[in-house]
Amino acid sequence: MTAPEGYTRPQIALHWIAALLMLQQCMFNDAISITWSAVTNGMDSAFNPLVLADVAGGALVLVLALWRLPIKAGHGAPEMMGDSALHRAPVALHVVGVLYHHLVLRDGLFSRMRRAEG
């Protein structure tokens, strides 16, 4: 199958919806961080709609990513025109975040994400 010249409307819509949801994830990060810190320190946490938006947004990004797979399998995708800094940015931000938690905050996040409990 040859690569198509462009993306379908559903592929474009899913891309931009996911991008907006990931931006929302960045904006609501403080609310979920504060709530997580409170819960892990044994404190009560009141309902916070920003936390709900963060969790729901993350779940929706996963659903959209999974939805994209059969669309891409059926229609394909154009050849990449080259590596762009915009597409590398989320990975770079993730790495910076991990290093910040590990080297500056020293909160054990890296260790907790390496192995499962129980």
N, C-alpha and C. Protein backbone atom coordinates (compact mmCIF):
# COMPACT_ATOMS: atom_id res chain seq x y z
N MET A 1 0.84 -1.17 0.00
CA MET A 1 0.00 0.00 0.00
C MET A 1 0.89 1.24 0.00
N THR A 2 0.65 2.13 -0.94
CA THR A 2 1.44 3.36 -0.99
C THR A 2 0.91 4.35 0.03
N ALA A 3 1.80 5.19 0.50
CA ALA A 3 1.41 6.17 1.50
C ALA A 3 0.50 7.22 0.86
N PRO A 4 -0.58 7.58 1.55
CA PRO A 4 -1.47 8.62 1.00
C PRO A 4 -0.79 9.99 1.02
N GLU A 5 -1.34 10.92 0.26
CA GLU A 5 -0.79 12.27 0.18
C GLU A 5 -1.10 13.10 1.42
N GLY A 6 -2.23 12.81 2.06
CA GLY A 6 -2.64 13.60 3.22
C GLY A 6 -3.39 12.75 4.22
N TYR A 7 -3.81 13.39 5.29
CA TYR A 7 -4.57 12.71 6.34
C TYR A 7 -6.07 12.85 6.07
N THR A 8 -6.84 11.95 6.64
CA THR A 8 -8.30 12.04 6.53
C THR A 8 -8.81 13.07 7.55
N ARG A 9 -10.06 13.50 7.37
CA ARG A 9 -10.64 14.43 8.34
C ARG A 9 -10.66 13.84 9.75
N PRO A 10 -11.05 12.57 9.92
CA PRO A 10 -11.00 12.01 11.27
C PRO A 10 -9.59 12.01 11.88
N GLN A 11 -8.58 11.72 11.07
CA GLN A 11 -7.20 11.74 11.59
C GLN A 11 -6.81 13.14 12.04
N ILE A 12 -7.17 14.14 11.27
CA ILE A 12 -6.83 15.52 11.62
C ILE A 12 -7.58 15.93 12.88
N ALA A 13 -8.87 15.62 12.94
CA ALA A 13 -9.67 15.97 14.11
C ALA A 13 -9.12 15.30 15.37
N LEU A 14 -8.82 14.01 15.29
CA LEU A 14 -8.28 13.30 16.45
C LEU A 14 -6.95 13.89 16.89
N HIS A 15 -6.12 14.27 15.94
CA HIS A 15 -4.82 14.87 16.26
C HIS A 15 -5.00 16.15 17.07
N TRP A 16 -5.85 17.06 16.59
CA TRP A 16 -5.99 18.36 17.25
C TRP A 16 -6.76 18.26 18.55
N ILE A 17 -7.72 17.36 18.63
CA ILE A 17 -8.44 17.16 19.90
C ILE A 17 -7.46 16.64 20.95
N ALA A 18 -6.64 15.66 20.57
CA ALA A 18 -5.64 15.12 21.51
C ALA A 18 -4.64 16.19 21.91
N ALA A 19 -4.22 17.03 20.97
CA ALA A 19 -3.27 18.10 21.29
C ALA A 19 -3.87 19.08 22.30
N LEU A 20 -5.12 19.44 22.11
CA LEU A 20 -5.78 20.35 23.06
C LEU A 20 -5.94 19.71 24.43
N LEU A 21 -6.26 18.42 24.44
CA LEU A 21 -6.38 17.72 25.72
C LEU A 21 -5.04 17.63 26.45
N MET A 22 -3.96 17.46 25.70
CA MET A 22 -2.64 17.41 26.33
C MET A 22 -2.25 18.79 26.88
N LEU A 23 -2.66 19.84 26.20
CA LEU A 23 -2.45 21.19 26.73
C LEU A 23 -3.22 21.37 28.03
N GLN A 24 -4.45 20.86 28.06
CA GLN A 24 -5.25 20.90 29.29
C GLN A 24 -4.55 20.14 30.41
N GLN A 25 -3.93 19.01 30.08
CA GLN A 25 -3.20 18.23 31.08
C GLN A 25 -2.11 19.07 31.72
N CYS A 26 -1.41 19.85 30.92
CA CYS A 26 -0.35 20.71 31.45
C CYS A 26 -0.93 21.80 32.35
N MET A 27 -2.07 22.35 31.97
CA MET A 27 -2.67 23.45 32.74
C MET A 27 -3.21 22.97 34.09
N PHE A 28 -3.72 21.74 34.17
CA PHE A 28 -4.33 21.23 35.40
C PHE A 28 -3.38 20.40 36.23
N ASN A 29 -2.11 20.38 35.88
CA ASN A 29 -1.13 19.55 36.57
C ASN A 29 -1.00 19.91 38.05
N ASP A 30 -1.04 21.20 38.38
CA ASP A 30 -0.89 21.61 39.78
C ASP A 30 -1.98 21.03 40.66
N ALA A 31 -3.22 21.04 40.17
CA ALA A 31 -4.34 20.55 40.97
C ALA A 31 -4.17 19.08 41.30
N ILE A 32 -3.79 18.28 40.32
CA ILE A 32 -3.65 16.84 40.59
C ILE A 32 -2.40 16.58 41.43
N SER A 33 -1.35 17.37 41.27
CA SER A 33 -0.15 17.18 42.08
C SER A 33 -0.43 17.47 43.55
N ILE A 34 -1.15 18.54 43.81
CA ILE A 34 -1.50 18.90 45.19
C ILE A 34 -2.39 17.83 45.81
N THR A 35 -3.38 17.37 45.05
CA THR A 35 -4.29 16.34 45.55
C THR A 35 -3.54 15.04 45.81
N TRP A 36 -2.67 14.65 44.88
CA TRP A 36 -1.90 13.41 45.05
C TRP A 36 -1.01 13.49 46.28
N SER A 37 -0.39 14.63 46.47
CA SER A 37 0.47 14.82 47.63
C SER A 37 -0.33 14.71 48.93
N ALA A 38 -1.51 15.30 48.95
CA ALA A 38 -2.36 15.21 50.14
C ALA A 38 -2.77 13.77 50.42
N VAL A 39 -3.19 13.06 49.41
CA VAL A 39 -3.65 11.68 49.58
C VAL A 39 -2.50 10.78 50.03
N THR A 40 -1.33 10.94 49.44
CA THR A 40 -0.21 10.08 49.82
C THR A 40 0.33 10.40 51.21
N ASN A 41 0.00 11.59 51.73
CA ASN A 41 0.40 11.95 53.09
C ASN A 41 -0.71 11.67 54.10
N GLY A 42 -1.74 10.94 53.66
CA GLY A 42 -2.80 10.53 54.56
C GLY A 42 -3.82 11.61 54.89
N MET A 43 -3.81 12.69 54.14
CA MET A 43 -4.77 13.77 54.39
C MET A 43 -6.00 13.58 53.52
N ASP A 44 -7.11 14.14 53.98
CA ASP A 44 -8.33 14.10 53.18
C ASP A 44 -8.21 15.09 52.03
N SER A 45 -8.89 14.76 50.95
CA SER A 45 -8.88 15.64 49.80
C SER A 45 -10.31 15.87 49.35
N ALA A 46 -10.72 17.13 49.32
CA ALA A 46 -12.07 17.47 48.86
C ALA A 46 -12.15 17.30 47.35
N PHE A 47 -13.36 17.15 46.86
CA PHE A 47 -13.57 17.04 45.42
C PHE A 47 -13.05 18.30 44.73
N ASN A 48 -12.28 18.12 43.67
CA ASN A 48 -11.76 19.24 42.90
C ASN A 48 -12.08 18.98 41.44
N PRO A 49 -12.90 19.82 40.81
CA PRO A 49 -13.25 19.60 39.41
C PRO A 49 -12.05 19.63 38.47
N LEU A 50 -10.98 20.34 38.85
CA LEU A 50 -9.78 20.36 38.01
C LEU A 50 -9.09 19.00 37.99
N VAL A 51 -9.14 18.29 39.11
CA VAL A 51 -8.58 16.94 39.16
C VAL A 51 -9.40 16.01 38.28
N LEU A 52 -10.72 16.13 38.37
CA LEU A 52 -11.59 15.32 37.52
C LEU A 52 -11.31 15.61 36.04
N ALA A 53 -11.15 16.89 35.70
CA ALA A 53 -10.85 17.25 34.31
C ALA A 53 -9.52 16.67 33.86
N ASP A 54 -8.52 16.67 34.76
CA ASP A 54 -7.21 16.12 34.43
C ASP A 54 -7.29 14.61 34.18
N VAL A 55 -7.97 13.91 35.07
CA VAL A 55 -8.09 12.45 34.94
C VAL A 55 -8.92 12.09 33.71
N ALA A 56 -10.04 12.77 33.54
CA ALA A 56 -10.89 12.49 32.37
C ALA A 56 -10.17 12.84 31.07
N GLY A 57 -9.43 13.94 31.08
CA GLY A 57 -8.67 14.32 29.88
C GLY A 57 -7.61 13.30 29.53
N GLY A 58 -6.92 12.79 30.54
CA GLY A 58 -5.91 11.76 30.29
C GLY A 58 -6.52 10.48 29.74
N ALA A 59 -7.66 10.09 30.30
CA ALA A 59 -8.35 8.89 29.81
C ALA A 59 -8.82 9.10 28.37
N LEU A 60 -9.30 10.30 28.07
CA LEU A 60 -9.77 10.59 26.72
C LEU A 60 -8.62 10.59 25.72
N VAL A 61 -7.45 11.08 26.12
CA VAL A 61 -6.28 11.03 25.23
C VAL A 61 -5.96 9.58 24.89
N LEU A 62 -6.03 8.70 25.88
CA LEU A 62 -5.79 7.27 25.62
C LEU A 62 -6.82 6.71 24.65
N VAL A 63 -8.09 7.02 24.87
CA VAL A 63 -9.15 6.54 23.98
C VAL A 63 -8.92 7.03 22.55
N LEU A 64 -8.58 8.31 22.41
CA LEU A 64 -8.33 8.87 21.08
C LEU A 64 -7.12 8.22 20.41
N ALA A 65 -6.07 7.97 21.18
CA ALA A 65 -4.88 7.31 20.62
C ALA A 65 -5.22 5.91 20.13
N LEU A 66 -6.02 5.18 20.91
CA LEU A 66 -6.42 3.83 20.49
C LEU A 66 -7.34 3.88 19.28
N TRP A 67 -8.19 4.90 19.21
CA TRP A 67 -9.10 5.06 18.08
C TRP A 67 -8.33 5.35 16.80
N ARG A 68 -7.21 6.05 16.92
CA ARG A 68 -6.41 6.39 15.74
C ARG A 68 -5.78 5.16 15.08
N LEU A 69 -5.52 4.12 15.86
CA LEU A 69 -4.83 2.94 15.32
C LEU A 69 -5.58 2.27 14.18
N PRO A 70 -6.88 1.93 14.34
CA PRO A 70 -7.56 1.30 13.21
C PRO A 70 -7.74 2.24 12.02
N ILE A 71 -7.87 3.54 12.30
CA ILE A 71 -7.98 4.49 11.19
C ILE A 71 -6.69 4.52 10.39
N LYS A 72 -5.56 4.55 11.11
CA LYS A 72 -4.26 4.56 10.42
C LYS A 72 -4.03 3.24 9.68
N ALA A 73 -4.44 2.12 10.29
CA ALA A 73 -4.27 0.82 9.64
C ALA A 73 -5.10 0.74 8.36
N GLY A 74 -6.28 1.35 8.38
CA GLY A 74 -7.15 1.29 7.20
C GLY A 74 -6.79 2.28 6.11
N HIS A 75 -6.38 3.47 6.49
CA HIS A 75 -6.11 4.52 5.51
C HIS A 75 -4.62 4.76 5.31
N GLY A 76 -3.84 4.50 6.33
CA GLY A 76 -2.42 4.80 6.26
C GLY A 76 -2.15 6.23 6.68
N ALA A 77 -0.93 6.66 6.52
CA ALA A 77 -0.53 8.02 6.86
C ALA A 77 0.56 8.45 5.89
N PRO A 78 0.63 9.75 5.61
CA PRO A 78 1.68 10.23 4.71
C PRO A 78 3.07 9.99 5.29
N GLU A 79 4.05 9.96 4.41
CA GLU A 79 5.44 9.84 4.86
C GLU A 79 5.77 11.05 5.73
N MET A 80 6.57 10.84 6.76
CA MET A 80 7.00 11.96 7.60
C MET A 80 7.91 12.86 6.78
N MET A 81 7.72 14.14 6.93
CA MET A 81 8.50 15.11 6.17
C MET A 81 9.81 15.46 6.86
N GLY A 82 10.07 14.84 7.96
CA GLY A 82 11.27 15.15 8.73
C GLY A 82 10.89 15.24 10.19
N ASP A 83 11.87 15.17 11.02
CA ASP A 83 11.63 15.23 12.45
C ASP A 83 11.43 16.68 12.85
N SER A 84 10.33 16.97 13.53
CA SER A 84 10.08 18.34 13.92
C SER A 84 10.22 18.50 15.43
N ALA A 85 10.69 19.66 15.84
CA ALA A 85 10.86 19.94 17.27
C ALA A 85 9.52 19.88 17.98
N LEU A 86 8.44 20.27 17.31
CA LEU A 86 7.11 20.26 17.92
C LEU A 86 6.69 18.84 18.29
N HIS A 87 7.04 17.87 17.47
CA HIS A 87 6.68 16.50 17.77
C HIS A 87 7.60 15.86 18.80
N ARG A 88 8.80 16.42 18.97
CA ARG A 88 9.71 15.92 20.00
C ARG A 88 9.44 16.56 21.36
N ALA A 89 8.75 17.70 21.38
CA ALA A 89 8.54 18.48 22.60
C ALA A 89 7.88 17.68 23.73
N PRO A 90 6.79 16.92 23.47
CA PRO A 90 6.19 16.18 24.59
C PRO A 90 7.16 15.19 25.23
N VAL A 91 7.97 14.54 24.43
CA VAL A 91 8.94 13.58 24.98
C VAL A 91 9.98 14.33 25.79
N ALA A 92 10.45 15.45 25.27
CA ALA A 92 11.46 16.24 25.99
C ALA A 92 10.90 16.74 27.32
N LEU A 93 9.64 17.21 27.30
CA LEU A 93 9.02 17.69 28.55
C LEU A 93 8.88 16.57 29.56
N HIS A 94 8.54 15.37 29.07
CA HIS A 94 8.40 14.22 29.97
C HIS A 94 9.74 13.91 30.63
N VAL A 95 10.80 13.89 29.83
CA VAL A 95 12.13 13.60 30.36
C VAL A 95 12.56 14.66 31.36
N VAL A 96 12.31 15.92 31.05
CA VAL A 96 12.66 17.01 31.97
C VAL A 96 11.87 16.85 33.28
N GLY A 97 10.59 16.50 33.16
CA GLY A 97 9.78 16.30 34.36
C GLY A 97 10.30 15.17 35.23
N VAL A 98 10.66 14.08 34.61
CA VAL A 98 11.20 12.94 35.36
C VAL A 98 12.51 13.33 36.05
N LEU A 99 13.38 13.99 35.33
CA LEU A 99 14.66 14.42 35.92
C LEU A 99 14.44 15.41 37.06
N TYR A 100 13.47 16.31 36.91
CA TYR A 100 13.17 17.28 37.96
C TYR A 100 12.72 16.56 39.23
N HIS A 101 11.83 15.59 39.07
CA HIS A 101 11.36 14.83 40.24
C HIS A 101 12.51 14.04 40.87
N HIS A 102 13.35 13.47 40.03
CA HIS A 102 14.42 12.60 40.54
C HIS A 102 15.58 13.39 41.16
N LEU A 103 16.01 14.45 40.49
CA LEU A 103 17.20 15.16 40.94
C LEU A 103 16.93 16.36 41.85
N VAL A 104 15.80 17.03 41.67
CA VAL A 104 15.52 18.23 42.46
C VAL A 104 14.58 17.91 43.62
N LEU A 105 13.41 17.38 43.30
CA LEU A 105 12.44 17.09 44.36
C LEU A 105 12.82 15.87 45.20
N ARG A 106 13.50 14.93 44.56
CA ARG A 106 13.89 13.68 45.22
C ARG A 106 12.71 13.04 45.96
N ASP A 107 11.57 12.97 45.24
CA ASP A 107 10.34 12.47 45.85
C ASP A 107 10.06 10.99 45.56
N GLY A 108 10.98 10.31 44.93
CA GLY A 108 10.83 8.88 44.68
C GLY A 108 9.92 8.54 43.52
N LEU A 109 9.51 9.52 42.73
CA LEU A 109 8.61 9.24 41.60
C LEU A 109 9.23 8.23 40.64
N PHE A 110 10.48 8.43 40.31
CA PHE A 110 11.16 7.54 39.37
C PHE A 110 11.15 6.10 39.89
N SER A 111 11.45 5.91 41.15
CA SER A 111 11.46 4.57 41.75
C SER A 111 10.07 3.96 41.74
N ARG A 112 9.04 4.76 42.05
CA ARG A 112 7.69 4.23 42.07
C ARG A 112 7.21 3.79 40.68
N MET A 113 7.72 4.44 39.64
CA MET A 113 7.29 4.11 38.29
C MET A 113 8.11 2.97 37.67
N ARG A 114 9.17 2.54 38.31
CA ARG A 114 9.97 1.44 37.78
C ARG A 114 9.42 0.08 38.13
N ARG A 115 8.76 -0.04 39.26
CA ARG A 115 8.26 -1.36 39.66
C ARG A 115 6.87 -1.23 40.27
N ALA A 116 6.06 -2.24 40.06
CA ALA A 116 4.70 -2.24 40.58
C ALA A 116 4.70 -2.71 42.03
N GLU A 117 3.73 -2.22 42.78
CA GLU A 117 3.56 -2.70 44.16
C GLU A 117 2.84 -4.03 44.15
N GLY A 118 3.15 -4.85 45.14
CA GLY A 118 2.40 -6.08 45.36
C GLY A 118 2.61 -7.17 44.41
